Structures are given as structure tokens and as C-alpha cells.
PDB file of N, CA and C in Angstrom:
ATOM      1  N   MET A   1      -0.634  21.491 -37.405  1.00  0.00           N
ATOM      2  CA  MET A   1      -0.958  20.153 -37.839  1.00  0.00           C
ATOM      3  C   MET A   1      -0.427  19.108 -36.861  1.00  0.00           C
ATOM      4  N   ASN A   2       0.813  19.251 -36.404  1.00  0.00           N
ATOM      5  CA  ASN A   2       1.395  18.283 -35.474  1.00  0.00           C
ATOM      6  C   ASN A   2       0.559  18.136 -34.215  1.00  0.00           C
ATOM      7  N   GLU A   3       0.069  19.264 -33.709  1.00  0.00           N
ATOM      8  CA  GLU A   3      -0.740  19.228 -32.496  1.00  0.00           C
ATOM      9  C   GLU A   3      -2.036  18.460 -32.714  1.00  0.00           C
ATOM     10  N   THR A   4      -2.641  18.627 -33.877  1.00  0.00           N
ATOM     11  CA  THR A   4      -3.879  17.914 -34.192  1.00  0.00           C
ATOM     12  C   THR A   4      -3.632  16.419 -34.220  1.00  0.00           C
ATOM     13  N   ILE A   5      -2.570  16.003 -34.894  1.00  0.00           N
ATOM     14  CA  ILE A   5      -2.246  14.574 -34.990  1.00  0.00           C
ATOM     15  C   ILE A   5      -1.966  14.009 -33.601  1.00  0.00           C
ATOM     16  N   GLU A   6      -1.161  14.718 -32.827  1.00  0.00           N
ATOM     17  CA  GLU A   6      -0.839  14.257 -31.472  1.00  0.00           C
ATOM     18  C   GLU A   6      -2.089  14.126 -30.617  1.00  0.00           C
ATOM     19  N   LYS A   7      -2.940  15.129 -30.661  1.00  0.00           N
ATOM     20  CA  LYS A   7      -4.152  15.136 -29.835  1.00  0.00           C
ATOM     21  C   LYS A   7      -5.070  13.968 -30.203  1.00  0.00           C
ATOM     22  N   VAL A   8      -5.312  13.777 -31.488  1.00  0.00           N
ATOM     23  CA  VAL A   8      -6.183  12.686 -31.943  1.00  0.00           C
ATOM     24  C   VAL A   8      -5.573  11.341 -31.565  1.00  0.00           C
ATOM     25  N   ALA A   9      -4.284  11.179 -31.811  1.00  0.00           N
ATOM     26  CA  ALA A   9      -3.616   9.913 -31.505  1.00  0.00           C
ATOM     27  C   ALA A   9      -3.703   9.591 -30.015  1.00  0.00           C
ATOM     28  N   GLU A  10      -3.441  10.593 -29.186  1.00  0.00           N
ATOM     29  CA  GLU A  10      -3.490  10.370 -27.744  1.00  0.00           C
ATOM     30  C   GLU A  10      -4.900  10.031 -27.274  1.00  0.00           C
ATOM     31  N   LEU A  11      -5.917  10.647 -27.891  1.00  0.00           N
ATOM     32  CA  LEU A  11      -7.305  10.299 -27.552  1.00  0.00           C
ATOM     33  C   LEU A  11      -7.626   8.857 -27.929  1.00  0.00           C
ATOM     34  N   CYS A  12      -6.915   8.347 -28.923  1.00  0.00           N
ATOM     35  CA  CYS A  12      -7.101   6.952 -29.356  1.00  0.00           C
ATOM     36  C   CYS A  12      -6.182   5.991 -28.598  1.00  0.00           C
ATOM     37  N   GLY A  13      -5.414   6.523 -27.645  1.00  0.00           N
ATOM     38  CA  GLY A  13      -4.561   5.668 -26.821  1.00  0.00           C
ATOM     39  C   GLY A  13      -3.144   5.462 -27.327  1.00  0.00           C
ATOM     40  N   TRP A  14      -2.739   6.211 -28.341  1.00  0.00           N
ATOM     41  CA  TRP A  14      -1.388   6.085 -28.895  1.00  0.00           C
ATOM     42  C   TRP A  14      -0.461   7.101 -28.254  1.00  0.00           C
ATOM     43  N   LYS A  15       0.784   6.693 -28.022  1.00  0.00           N
ATOM     44  CA  LYS A  15       1.845   7.634 -27.681  1.00  0.00           C
ATOM     45  C   LYS A  15       2.437   8.078 -29.013  1.00  0.00           C
ATOM     46  N   VAL A  16       2.814   9.344 -29.111  1.00  0.00           N
ATOM     47  CA  VAL A  16       3.335   9.875 -30.367  1.00  0.00           C
ATOM     48  C   VAL A  16       4.704  10.502 -30.124  1.00  0.00           C
ATOM     49  N   TYR A  17       5.645  10.148 -30.995  1.00  0.00           N
ATOM     50  CA  TYR A  17       6.981  10.735 -30.972  1.00  0.00           C
ATOM     51  C   TYR A  17       7.230  11.347 -32.344  1.00  0.00           C
ATOM     52  N   ILE A  18       7.663  12.599 -32.362  1.00  0.00           N
ATOM     53  CA  ILE A  18       7.864  13.299 -33.629  1.00  0.00           C
ATOM     54  C   ILE A  18       9.334  13.665 -33.769  1.00  0.00           C
ATOM     55  N   ASP A  19       9.896  13.334 -34.927  1.00  0.00           N
ATOM     56  CA  ASP A  19      11.269  13.701 -35.245  1.00  0.00           C
ATOM     57  C   ASP A  19      11.287  14.225 -36.673  1.00  0.00           C
ATOM     58  N   ASN A  20      11.284  15.539 -36.796  1.00  0.00           N
ATOM     59  CA  ASN A  20      11.241  16.214 -38.106  1.00  0.00           C
ATOM     60  C   ASN A  20      10.026  15.773 -38.906  1.00  0.00           C
ATOM     61  N   THR A  21      10.215  14.921 -39.897  1.00  0.00           N
ATOM     62  CA  THR A  21       9.104  14.502 -40.760  1.00  0.00           C
ATOM     63  C   THR A  21       8.646  13.077 -40.476  1.00  0.00           C
ATOM     64  N   ILE A  22       9.018  12.539 -39.326  1.00  0.00           N
ATOM     65  CA  ILE A  22       8.623  11.172 -38.975  1.00  0.00           C
ATOM     66  C   ILE A  22       7.784  11.195 -37.700  1.00  0.00           C
ATOM     67  N   PHE A  23       6.606  10.592 -37.802  1.00  0.00           N
ATOM     68  CA  PHE A  23       5.741  10.398 -36.649  1.00  0.00           C
ATOM     69  C   PHE A  23       5.818   8.924 -36.278  1.00  0.00           C
ATOM     70  N   GLU A  24       6.147   8.644 -35.031  1.00  0.00           N
ATOM     71  CA  GLU A  24       6.172   7.264 -34.551  1.00  0.00           C
ATOM     72  C   GLU A  24       5.036   7.094 -33.559  1.00  0.00           C
ATOM     73  N   PHE A  25       4.229   6.074 -33.776  1.00  0.00           N
ATOM     74  CA  PHE A  25       3.077   5.781 -32.931  1.00  0.00           C
ATOM     75  C   PHE A  25       3.351   4.499 -32.157  1.00  0.00           C
ATOM     76  N   GLU A  26       3.026   4.512 -30.878  1.00  0.00           N
ATOM     77  CA  GLU A  26       3.281   3.356 -30.024  1.00  0.00           C
ATOM     78  C   GLU A  26       2.067   3.094 -29.142  1.00  0.00           C
ATOM     79  N   LYS A  27       1.738   1.803 -29.003  1.00  0.00           N
ATOM     80  CA  LYS A  27       0.581   1.430 -28.181  1.00  0.00           C
ATOM     81  C   LYS A  27       0.731  -0.026 -27.744  1.00  0.00           C
ATOM     82  N   MET A  28       0.387  -0.298 -26.501  1.00  0.00           N
ATOM     83  CA  MET A  28       0.350  -1.688 -26.039  1.00  0.00           C
ATOM     84  C   MET A  28      -0.915  -2.333 -26.595  1.00  0.00           C
ATOM     85  N   ILE A  29      -0.718  -3.399 -27.332  1.00  0.00           N
ATOM     86  CA  ILE A  29      -1.843  -4.138 -27.889  1.00  0.00           C
ATOM     87  C   ILE A  29      -1.667  -5.582 -27.455  1.00  0.00           C
ATOM     88  N   GLY A  30      -2.459  -5.984 -26.490  1.00  0.00           N
ATOM     89  CA  GLY A  30      -2.269  -7.305 -25.892  1.00  0.00           C
ATOM     90  C   GLY A  30      -0.941  -7.323 -25.155  1.00  0.00           C
ATOM     91  N   THR A  31      -0.069  -8.225 -25.547  1.00  0.00           N
ATOM     92  CA  THR A  31       1.256  -8.313 -24.927  1.00  0.00           C
ATOM     93  C   THR A  31       2.312  -7.573 -25.734  1.00  0.00           C
ATOM     94  N   GLN A  32       1.924  -7.055 -26.898  1.00  0.00           N
ATOM     95  CA  GLN A  32       2.871  -6.415 -27.812  1.00  0.00           C
ATOM     96  C   GLN A  32       2.942  -4.912 -27.610  1.00  0.00           C
ATOM     97  N   ASP A  33       4.145  -4.395 -27.580  1.00  0.00           N
ATOM     98  CA  ASP A  33       4.353  -2.954 -27.623  1.00  0.00           C
ATOM     99  C   ASP A  33       4.433  -2.632 -29.115  1.00  0.00           C
ATOM    100  N   PHE A  34       3.289  -2.348 -29.711  1.00  0.00           N
ATOM    101  CA  PHE A  34       3.197  -2.178 -31.156  1.00  0.00           C
ATOM    102  C   PHE A  34       3.619  -0.764 -31.554  1.00  0.00           C
ATOM    103  N   VAL A  35       4.501  -0.676 -32.541  1.00  0.00           N
ATOM    104  CA  VAL A  35       5.027   0.614 -32.994  1.00  0.00           C
ATOM    105  C   VAL A  35       4.988   0.657 -34.514  1.00  0.00           C
ATOM    106  N   PHE A  36       4.561   1.802 -35.055  1.00  0.00           N
ATOM    107  CA  PHE A  36       4.693   2.032 -36.488  1.00  0.00           C
ATOM    108  C   PHE A  36       5.025   3.490 -36.718  1.00  0.00           C
ATOM    109  N   ALA A  37       5.637   3.754 -37.855  1.00  0.00           N
ATOM    110  CA  ALA A  37       6.072   5.118 -38.157  1.00  0.00           C
ATOM    111  C   ALA A  37       5.533   5.558 -39.506  1.00  0.00           C
ATOM    112  N   ILE A  38       5.211   6.833 -39.576  1.00  0.00           N
ATOM    113  CA  ILE A  38       4.742   7.450 -40.811  1.00  0.00           C
ATOM    114  C   ILE A  38       5.665   8.621 -41.121  1.00  0.00           C
ATOM    115  N   SER A  39       6.177   8.622 -42.333  1.00  0.00           N
ATOM    116  CA  SER A  39       7.024   9.712 -42.783  1.00  0.00           C
ATOM    117  C   SER A  39       6.219  10.543 -43.772  1.00  0.00           C
ATOM    118  N   TYR A  40       6.320  11.845 -43.652  1.00  0.00           N
ATOM    119  CA  TYR A  40       5.598  12.693 -44.585  1.00  0.00           C
ATOM    120  C   TYR A  40       6.463  13.881 -44.976  1.00  0.00           C
ATOM    121  N   LYS A  41       6.292  14.333 -46.202  1.00  0.00           N
ATOM    122  CA  LYS A  41       7.056  15.466 -46.701  1.00  0.00           C
ATOM    123  C   LYS A  41       6.182  16.716 -46.776  1.00  0.00           C
ATOM    124  N   GLU A  42       4.955  16.523 -47.220  1.00  0.00           N
ATOM    125  CA  GLU A  42       4.020  17.652 -47.299  1.00  0.00           C
ATOM    126  C   GLU A  42       3.427  17.875 -45.917  1.00  0.00           C
ATOM    127  N   LYS A  43       3.447  19.097 -45.480  1.00  0.00           N
ATOM    128  CA  LYS A  43       2.939  19.392 -44.139  1.00  0.00           C
ATOM    129  C   LYS A  43       1.449  19.724 -44.192  1.00  0.00           C
ATOM    130  N   SER A  44       0.677  18.695 -44.545  1.00  0.00           N
ATOM    131  CA  SER A  44      -0.769  18.859 -44.543  1.00  0.00           C
ATOM    132  C   SER A  44      -1.403  17.624 -43.922  1.00  0.00           C
ATOM    133  N   LEU A  45      -2.497  17.834 -43.227  1.00  0.00           N
ATOM    134  CA  LEU A  45      -3.189  16.718 -42.590  1.00  0.00           C
ATOM    135  C   LEU A  45      -3.694  15.737 -43.636  1.00  0.00           C
ATOM    136  N   GLN A  46      -4.156  16.230 -44.762  1.00  0.00           N
ATOM    137  CA  GLN A  46      -4.658  15.353 -45.818  1.00  0.00           C
ATOM    138  C   GLN A  46      -3.557  14.429 -46.338  1.00  0.00           C
ATOM    139  N   SER A  47      -2.372  14.958 -46.544  1.00  0.00           N
ATOM    140  CA  SER A  47      -1.241  14.153 -46.994  1.00  0.00           C
ATOM    141  C   SER A  47      -0.877  13.103 -45.947  1.00  0.00           C
ATOM    142  N   PHE A  48      -0.912  13.503 -44.685  1.00  0.00           N
ATOM    143  CA  PHE A  48      -0.594  12.583 -43.600  1.00  0.00           C
ATOM    144  C   PHE A  48      -1.609  11.448 -43.532  1.00  0.00           C
ATOM    145  N   VAL A  49      -2.877  11.794 -43.644  1.00  0.00           N
ATOM    146  CA  VAL A  49      -3.942  10.787 -43.637  1.00  0.00           C
ATOM    147  C   VAL A  49      -3.752   9.808 -44.793  1.00  0.00           C
ATOM    148  N   PHE A  50      -3.362  10.316 -45.946  1.00  0.00           N
ATOM    149  CA  PHE A  50      -3.096   9.456 -47.104  1.00  0.00           C
ATOM    150  C   PHE A  50      -1.982   8.460 -46.789  1.00  0.00           C
ATOM    151  N   GLN A  51      -0.947   8.894 -46.092  1.00  0.00           N
ATOM    152  CA  GLN A  51       0.158   8.001 -45.727  1.00  0.00           C
ATOM    153  C   GLN A  51      -0.317   6.889 -44.781  1.00  0.00           C
ATOM    154  N   ILE A  52      -1.164   7.235 -43.829  1.00  0.00           N
ATOM    155  CA  ILE A  52      -1.691   6.206 -42.918  1.00  0.00           C
ATOM    156  C   ILE A  52      -2.603   5.248 -43.678  1.00  0.00           C
ATOM    157  N   GLU A  53      -3.408   5.771 -44.606  1.00  0.00           N
ATOM    158  CA  GLU A  53      -4.256   4.890 -45.429  1.00  0.00           C
ATOM    159  C   GLU A  53      -3.399   3.870 -46.170  1.00  0.00           C
ATOM    160  N   ASN A  54      -2.301   4.323 -46.746  1.00  0.00           N
ATOM    161  CA  ASN A  54      -1.403   3.406 -47.462  1.00  0.00           C
ATOM    162  C   ASN A  54      -0.801   2.374 -46.519  1.00  0.00           C
ATOM    163  N   TYR A  55      -0.376   2.825 -45.343  1.00  0.00           N
ATOM    164  CA  TYR A  55       0.190   1.893 -44.367  1.00  0.00           C
ATOM    165  C   TYR A  55      -0.835   0.837 -43.989  1.00  0.00           C
ATOM    166  N   LEU A  56      -2.054   1.269 -43.714  1.00  0.00           N
ATOM    167  CA  LEU A  56      -3.111   0.341 -43.313  1.00  0.00           C
ATOM    168  C   LEU A  56      -3.450  -0.626 -44.446  1.00  0.00           C
ATOM    169  N   LYS A  57      -3.540  -0.106 -45.657  1.00  0.00           N
ATOM    170  CA  LYS A  57      -3.868  -0.945 -46.810  1.00  0.00           C
ATOM    171  C   LYS A  57      -2.814  -2.039 -47.015  1.00  0.00           C
ATOM    172  N   ASN A  58      -1.568  -1.722 -46.724  1.00  0.00           N
ATOM    173  CA  ASN A  58      -0.471  -2.673 -46.927  1.00  0.00           C
ATOM    174  C   ASN A  58      -0.100  -3.460 -45.672  1.00  0.00           C
ATOM    175  N   PHE A  59      -0.838  -3.261 -44.591  1.00  0.00           N
ATOM    176  CA  PHE A  59      -0.551  -3.977 -43.340  1.00  0.00           C
ATOM    177  C   PHE A  59      -0.965  -5.434 -43.511  1.00  0.00           C
ATOM    178  N   ASP A  60      -0.005  -6.310 -43.532  1.00  0.00           N
ATOM    179  CA  ASP A  60      -0.238  -7.739 -43.745  1.00  0.00           C
ATOM    180  C   ASP A  60      -0.223  -8.441 -42.392  1.00  0.00           C
ATOM    181  N   VAL A  61      -1.397  -8.781 -41.906  1.00  0.00           N
ATOM    182  CA  VAL A  61      -1.543  -9.398 -40.589  1.00  0.00           C
ATOM    183  C   VAL A  61      -0.745 -10.698 -40.507  1.00  0.00           C
ATOM    184  N   ASP A  62      -0.780 -11.499 -41.560  1.00  0.00           N
ATOM    185  CA  ASP A  62      -0.059 -12.772 -41.548  1.00  0.00           C
ATOM    186  C   ASP A  62       1.450 -12.552 -41.458  1.00  0.00           C
ATOM    187  N   TYR A  63       1.951 -11.611 -42.230  1.00  0.00           N
ATOM    188  CA  TYR A  63       3.389 -11.323 -42.182  1.00  0.00           C
ATOM    189  C   TYR A  63       3.783 -10.788 -40.810  1.00  0.00           C
ATOM    190  N   GLU A  64       3.018  -9.840 -40.289  1.00  0.00           N
ATOM    191  CA  GLU A  64       3.322  -9.267 -38.979  1.00  0.00           C
ATOM    192  C   GLU A  64       3.314 -10.348 -37.903  1.00  0.00           C
ATOM    193  N   THR A  65       2.409 -11.307 -38.029  1.00  0.00           N
ATOM    194  CA  THR A  65       2.358 -12.426 -37.086  1.00  0.00           C
ATOM    195  C   THR A  65       3.601 -13.286 -37.221  1.00  0.00           C
ATOM    196  N   SER A  66       4.009 -13.559 -38.452  1.00  0.00           N
ATOM    197  CA  SER A  66       5.147 -14.457 -38.693  1.00  0.00           C
ATOM    198  C   SER A  66       6.446 -13.933 -38.090  1.00  0.00           C
ATOM    199  N   ILE A  67       6.563 -12.628 -37.965  1.00  0.00           N
ATOM    200  CA  ILE A  67       7.768 -12.031 -37.386  1.00  0.00           C
ATOM    201  C   ILE A  67       7.969 -12.501 -35.943  1.00  0.00           C
ATOM    202  N   TRP A  68       6.869 -12.773 -35.261  1.00  0.00           N
ATOM    203  CA  TRP A  68       6.919 -13.106 -33.836  1.00  0.00           C
ATOM    204  C   TRP A  68       6.872 -14.602 -33.544  1.00  0.00           C
ATOM    205  N   ILE A  69       6.978 -15.432 -34.583  1.00  0.00           N
ATOM    206  CA  ILE A  69       6.942 -16.884 -34.391  1.00  0.00           C
ATOM    207  C   ILE A  69       8.366 -17.429 -34.446  1.00  0.00           C
ATOM    208  N   GLY A  70       8.731 -18.176 -33.414  1.00  0.00           N
ATOM    209  CA  GLY A  70      10.067 -18.761 -33.336  1.00  0.00           C
ATOM    210  C   GLY A  70      10.178 -20.042 -34.140  1.00  0.00           C
ATOM    211  N   LYS A  71      11.382 -20.596 -34.155  1.00  0.00           N
ATOM    212  CA  LYS A  71      11.645 -21.844 -34.895  1.00  0.00           C
ATOM    213  C   LYS A  71      10.852 -23.024 -34.348  1.00  0.00           C
ATOM    214  N   ASP A  72      10.438 -22.925 -33.087  1.00  0.00           N
ATOM    215  CA  ASP A  72       9.649 -24.007 -32.491  1.00  0.00           C
ATOM    216  C   ASP A  72       8.163 -23.892 -32.800  1.00  0.00           C
ATOM    217  N   GLY A  73       7.766 -22.862 -33.565  1.00  0.00           N
ATOM    218  CA  GLY A  73       6.362 -22.689 -33.938  1.00  0.00           C
ATOM    219  C   GLY A  73       5.538 -21.958 -32.907  1.00  0.00           C
ATOM    220  N   HIS A  74       6.193 -21.348 -31.936  1.00  0.00           N
ATOM    221  CA  HIS A  74       5.500 -20.607 -30.886  1.00  0.00           C
ATOM    222  C   HIS A  74       6.068 -19.198 -30.805  1.00  0.00           C
ATOM    223  N   GLY A  75       5.398 -18.353 -30.038  1.00  0.00           N
ATOM    224  CA  GLY A  75       5.814 -16.960 -29.914  1.00  0.00           C
ATOM    225  C   GLY A  75       7.228 -16.809 -29.378  1.00  0.00           C
ATOM    226  N   LYS A  76       7.894 -15.738 -29.839  1.00  0.00           N
ATOM    227  CA  LYS A  76       9.253 -15.442 -29.369  1.00  0.00           C
ATOM    228  C   LYS A  76       9.337 -13.975 -28.963  1.00  0.00           C
ATOM    229  N   ASN A  77      10.379 -13.636 -28.257  1.00  0.00           N
ATOM    230  CA  ASN A  77      10.654 -12.255 -27.842  1.00  0.00           C
ATOM    231  C   ASN A  77       9.486 -11.604 -27.105  1.00  0.00           C
ATOM    232  N   GLY A  78       8.846 -12.341 -26.228  1.00  0.00           N
ATOM    233  CA  GLY A  78       7.758 -11.792 -25.434  1.00  0.00           C
ATOM    234  C   GLY A  78       6.386 -11.901 -26.064  1.00  0.00           C
ATOM    235  N   ALA A  79       6.316 -12.419 -27.278  1.00  0.00           N
ATOM    236  CA  ALA A  79       5.012 -12.611 -27.932  1.00  0.00           C
ATOM    237  C   ALA A  79       4.282 -13.768 -27.247  1.00  0.00           C
ATOM    238  N   PRO A  80       2.961 -13.814 -27.382  1.00  0.00           N
ATOM    239  CA  PRO A  80       2.221 -14.938 -26.806  1.00  0.00           C
ATOM    240  C   PRO A  80       2.733 -16.285 -27.331  1.00  0.00           C
ATOM    241  N   TYR A  81       2.557 -17.306 -26.548  1.00  0.00           N
ATOM    242  CA  TYR A  81       3.035 -18.651 -26.891  1.00  0.00           C
ATOM    243  C   TYR A  81       2.325 -19.209 -28.120  1.00  0.00           C
ATOM    244  N   HIS A  82       1.014 -19.013 -28.192  1.00  0.00           N
ATOM    245  CA  HIS A  82       0.210 -19.602 -29.269  1.00  0.00           C
ATOM    246  C   HIS A  82       0.104 -18.657 -30.466  1.00  0.00           C
ATOM    247  N   ILE A  83       0.232 -19.223 -31.652  1.00  0.00           N
ATOM    248  CA  ILE A  83       0.159 -18.438 -32.889  1.00  0.00           C
ATOM    249  C   ILE A  83      -1.176 -17.700 -32.981  1.00  0.00           C
ATOM    250  N   LYS A  84      -2.255 -18.348 -32.602  1.00  0.00           N
ATOM    251  CA  LYS A  84      -3.573 -17.711 -32.676  1.00  0.00           C
ATOM    252  C   LYS A  84      -3.605 -16.422 -31.862  1.00  0.00           C
ATOM    253  N   ASP A  85      -2.964 -16.428 -30.709  1.00  0.00           N
ATOM    254  CA  ASP A  85      -2.945 -15.236 -29.867  1.00  0.00           C
ATOM    255  C   ASP A  85      -2.142 -14.110 -30.514  1.00  0.00           C
ATOM    256  N   ILE A  86      -1.043 -14.473 -31.163  1.00  0.00           N
ATOM    257  CA  ILE A  86      -0.250 -13.465 -31.880  1.00  0.00           C
ATOM    258  C   ILE A  86      -1.083 -12.899 -33.029  1.00  0.00           C
ATOM    259  N   LEU A  87      -1.735 -13.778 -33.763  1.00  0.00           N
ATOM    260  CA  LEU A  87      -2.575 -13.367 -34.888  1.00  0.00           C
ATOM    261  C   LEU A  87      -3.688 -12.434 -34.415  1.00  0.00           C
ATOM    262  N   ASP A  88      -4.324 -12.781 -33.305  1.00  0.00           N
ATOM    263  CA  ASP A  88      -5.379 -11.925 -32.749  1.00  0.00           C
ATOM    264  C   ASP A  88      -4.837 -10.535 -32.411  1.00  0.00           C
ATOM    265  N   GLU A  89      -3.631 -10.483 -31.856  1.00  0.00           N
ATOM    266  CA  GLU A  89      -3.039  -9.181 -31.522  1.00  0.00           C
ATOM    267  C   GLU A  89      -2.758  -8.362 -32.781  1.00  0.00           C
ATOM    268  N   MET A  90      -2.331  -9.008 -33.845  1.00  0.00           N
ATOM    269  CA  MET A  90      -2.051  -8.271 -35.080  1.00  0.00           C
ATOM    270  C   MET A  90      -3.345  -7.776 -35.730  1.00  0.00           C
ATOM    271  N   TYR A  91      -4.417  -8.572 -35.638  1.00  0.00           N
ATOM    272  CA  TYR A  91      -5.717  -8.083 -36.114  1.00  0.00           C
ATOM    273  C   TYR A  91      -6.171  -6.889 -35.278  1.00  0.00           C
ATOM    274  N   SER A  92      -5.933  -6.964 -33.986  1.00  0.00           N
ATOM    275  CA  SER A  92      -6.285  -5.851 -33.116  1.00  0.00           C
ATOM    276  C   SER A  92      -5.460  -4.611 -33.463  1.00  0.00           C
ATOM    277  N   ALA A  93      -4.177  -4.798 -33.768  1.00  0.00           N
ATOM    278  CA  ALA A  93      -3.326  -3.671 -34.168  1.00  0.00           C
ATOM    279  C   ALA A  93      -3.886  -3.008 -35.419  1.00  0.00           C
ATOM    280  N   LYS A  94      -4.295  -3.822 -36.379  1.00  0.00           N
ATOM    281  CA  LYS A  94      -4.858  -3.279 -37.614  1.00  0.00           C
ATOM    282  C   LYS A  94      -6.130  -2.483 -37.317  1.00  0.00           C
ATOM    283  N   GLU A  95      -6.966  -3.006 -36.437  1.00  0.00           N
ATOM    284  CA  GLU A  95      -8.191  -2.295 -36.051  1.00  0.00           C
ATOM    285  C   GLU A  95      -7.868  -0.969 -35.359  1.00  0.00           C
ATOM    286  N   GLN A  96      -6.841  -0.970 -34.513  1.00  0.00           N
ATOM    287  CA  GLN A  96      -6.458   0.247 -33.806  1.00  0.00           C
ATOM    288  C   GLN A  96      -5.926   1.312 -34.769  1.00  0.00           C
ATOM    289  N   ILE A  97      -5.193   0.874 -35.782  1.00  0.00           N
ATOM    290  CA  ILE A  97      -4.707   1.809 -36.804  1.00  0.00           C
ATOM    291  C   ILE A  97      -5.888   2.369 -37.590  1.00  0.00           C
ATOM    292  N   ALA A  98      -6.850   1.503 -37.906  1.00  0.00           N
ATOM    293  CA  ALA A  98      -8.047   1.945 -38.637  1.00  0.00           C
ATOM    294  C   ALA A  98      -8.834   2.968 -37.822  1.00  0.00           C
ATOM    295  N   THR A  99      -8.919   2.767 -36.515  1.00  0.00           N
ATOM    296  CA  THR A  99      -9.610   3.729 -35.652  1.00  0.00           C
ATOM    297  C   THR A  99      -8.888   5.067 -35.652  1.00  0.00           C
ATOM    298  N   LEU A 100      -7.570   5.031 -35.556  1.00  0.00           N
ATOM    299  CA  LEU A 100      -6.781   6.265 -35.620  1.00  0.00           C
ATOM    300  C   LEU A 100      -7.026   6.985 -36.939  1.00  0.00           C
ATOM    301  N   LEU A 101      -7.008   6.249 -38.021  1.00  0.00           N
ATOM    302  CA  LEU A 101      -7.257   6.827 -39.347  1.00  0.00           C
ATOM    303  C   LEU A 101      -8.636   7.463 -39.412  1.00  0.00           C
ATOM    304  N   TYR A 102      -9.639   6.768 -38.932  1.00  0.00           N
ATOM    305  CA  TYR A 102     -11.009   7.285 -38.928  1.00  0.00           C
ATOM    306  C   TYR A 102     -11.091   8.614 -38.175  1.00  0.00           C
ATOM    307  N   GLU A 103     -10.482   8.653 -37.000  1.00  0.00           N
ATOM    308  CA  GLU A 103     -10.534   9.861 -36.179  1.00  0.00           C
ATOM    309  C   GLU A 103      -9.764  11.021 -36.835  1.00  0.00           C
ATOM    310  N   LEU A 104      -8.662  10.725 -37.489  1.00  0.00           N
ATOM    311  CA  LEU A 104      -7.919  11.772 -38.196  1.00  0.00           C
ATOM    312  C   LEU A 104      -8.724  12.309 -39.382  1.00  0.00           C
ATOM    313  N   LYS A 105      -9.404  11.412 -40.075  1.00  0.00           N
ATOM    314  CA  LYS A 105     -10.234  11.841 -41.216  1.00  0.00           C
ATOM    315  C   LYS A 105     -11.346  12.777 -40.773  1.00  0.00           C
ATOM    316  N   ARG A 106     -11.847  12.570 -39.574  1.00  0.00           N
ATOM    317  CA  ARG A 106     -12.911  13.440 -39.055  1.00  0.00           C
ATOM    318  C   ARG A 106     -12.402  14.860 -38.861  1.00  0.00           C
ATOM    319  N   LYS A 107     -11.087  15.046 -38.769  1.00  0.00           N
ATOM    320  CA  LYS A 107     -10.508  16.381 -38.585  1.00  0.00           C
ATOM    321  C   LYS A 107     -10.247  17.107 -39.900  1.00  0.00           C
ATOM    322  N   LEU A 108     -10.416  16.404 -41.012  1.00  0.00           N
ATOM    323  CA  LEU A 108     -10.174  17.038 -42.316  1.00  0.00           C
ATOM    324  C   LEU A 108     -11.265  18.044 -42.661  1.00  0.00           C
TER     325      LEU A 108
END
């Protein structure tokens, strides 16, 4: 199962790091080094896909954008200067996660 997840993720442009029951996915999206992690207990692809579906369903683009906005109302910590650009990157991150999910579902 791990090999399948790694292979699909890498085909979608994600780097994958595995530590026991935690999969960490990393990808440059615009100026952001976007990272998310999925923890799973059941060692089945279907269970893993369910975890990504939940992550995607709960991915709040506005909240993720707000993390990168400084007190001056502009990007901080390497994020783009303009809020719109940060927001666009977070929408792109959500789309990239959805693509990964789609490709994993095709393996079920």
C-alpha cells in the first residue's frame, strides 16, 4: 500500500515522507512550500483515501490564507505580498490535494 501511495503522489508532483502511520506530503505551490500530513491506523488504501477526503473537505482556504497574513495586512514569512496572491495559492493547494485524491481513488 505504501508504494502505491508514494507512486501516485510522486506522479502528481508531491514529495512523500513516511513515518510509521503518518504520511507527509510536500509540494511547492506558487511561492509556498505546502505541506500536509495524513495519519492512518488501518493499513488499507480505502481507509487512507477516506482520510484525505476528510482533510480536503475540512480544508478552509480562508483560514489557510489568514495564517500567512501579517499585522500589516500583507504576506509574511515568504508568502506573497498581496492577500489575493496568497488566497490564489491556497485555492491551488486545495486543487492539488483534490487531484491527488482523484488519482488515489482510481487505484481502489
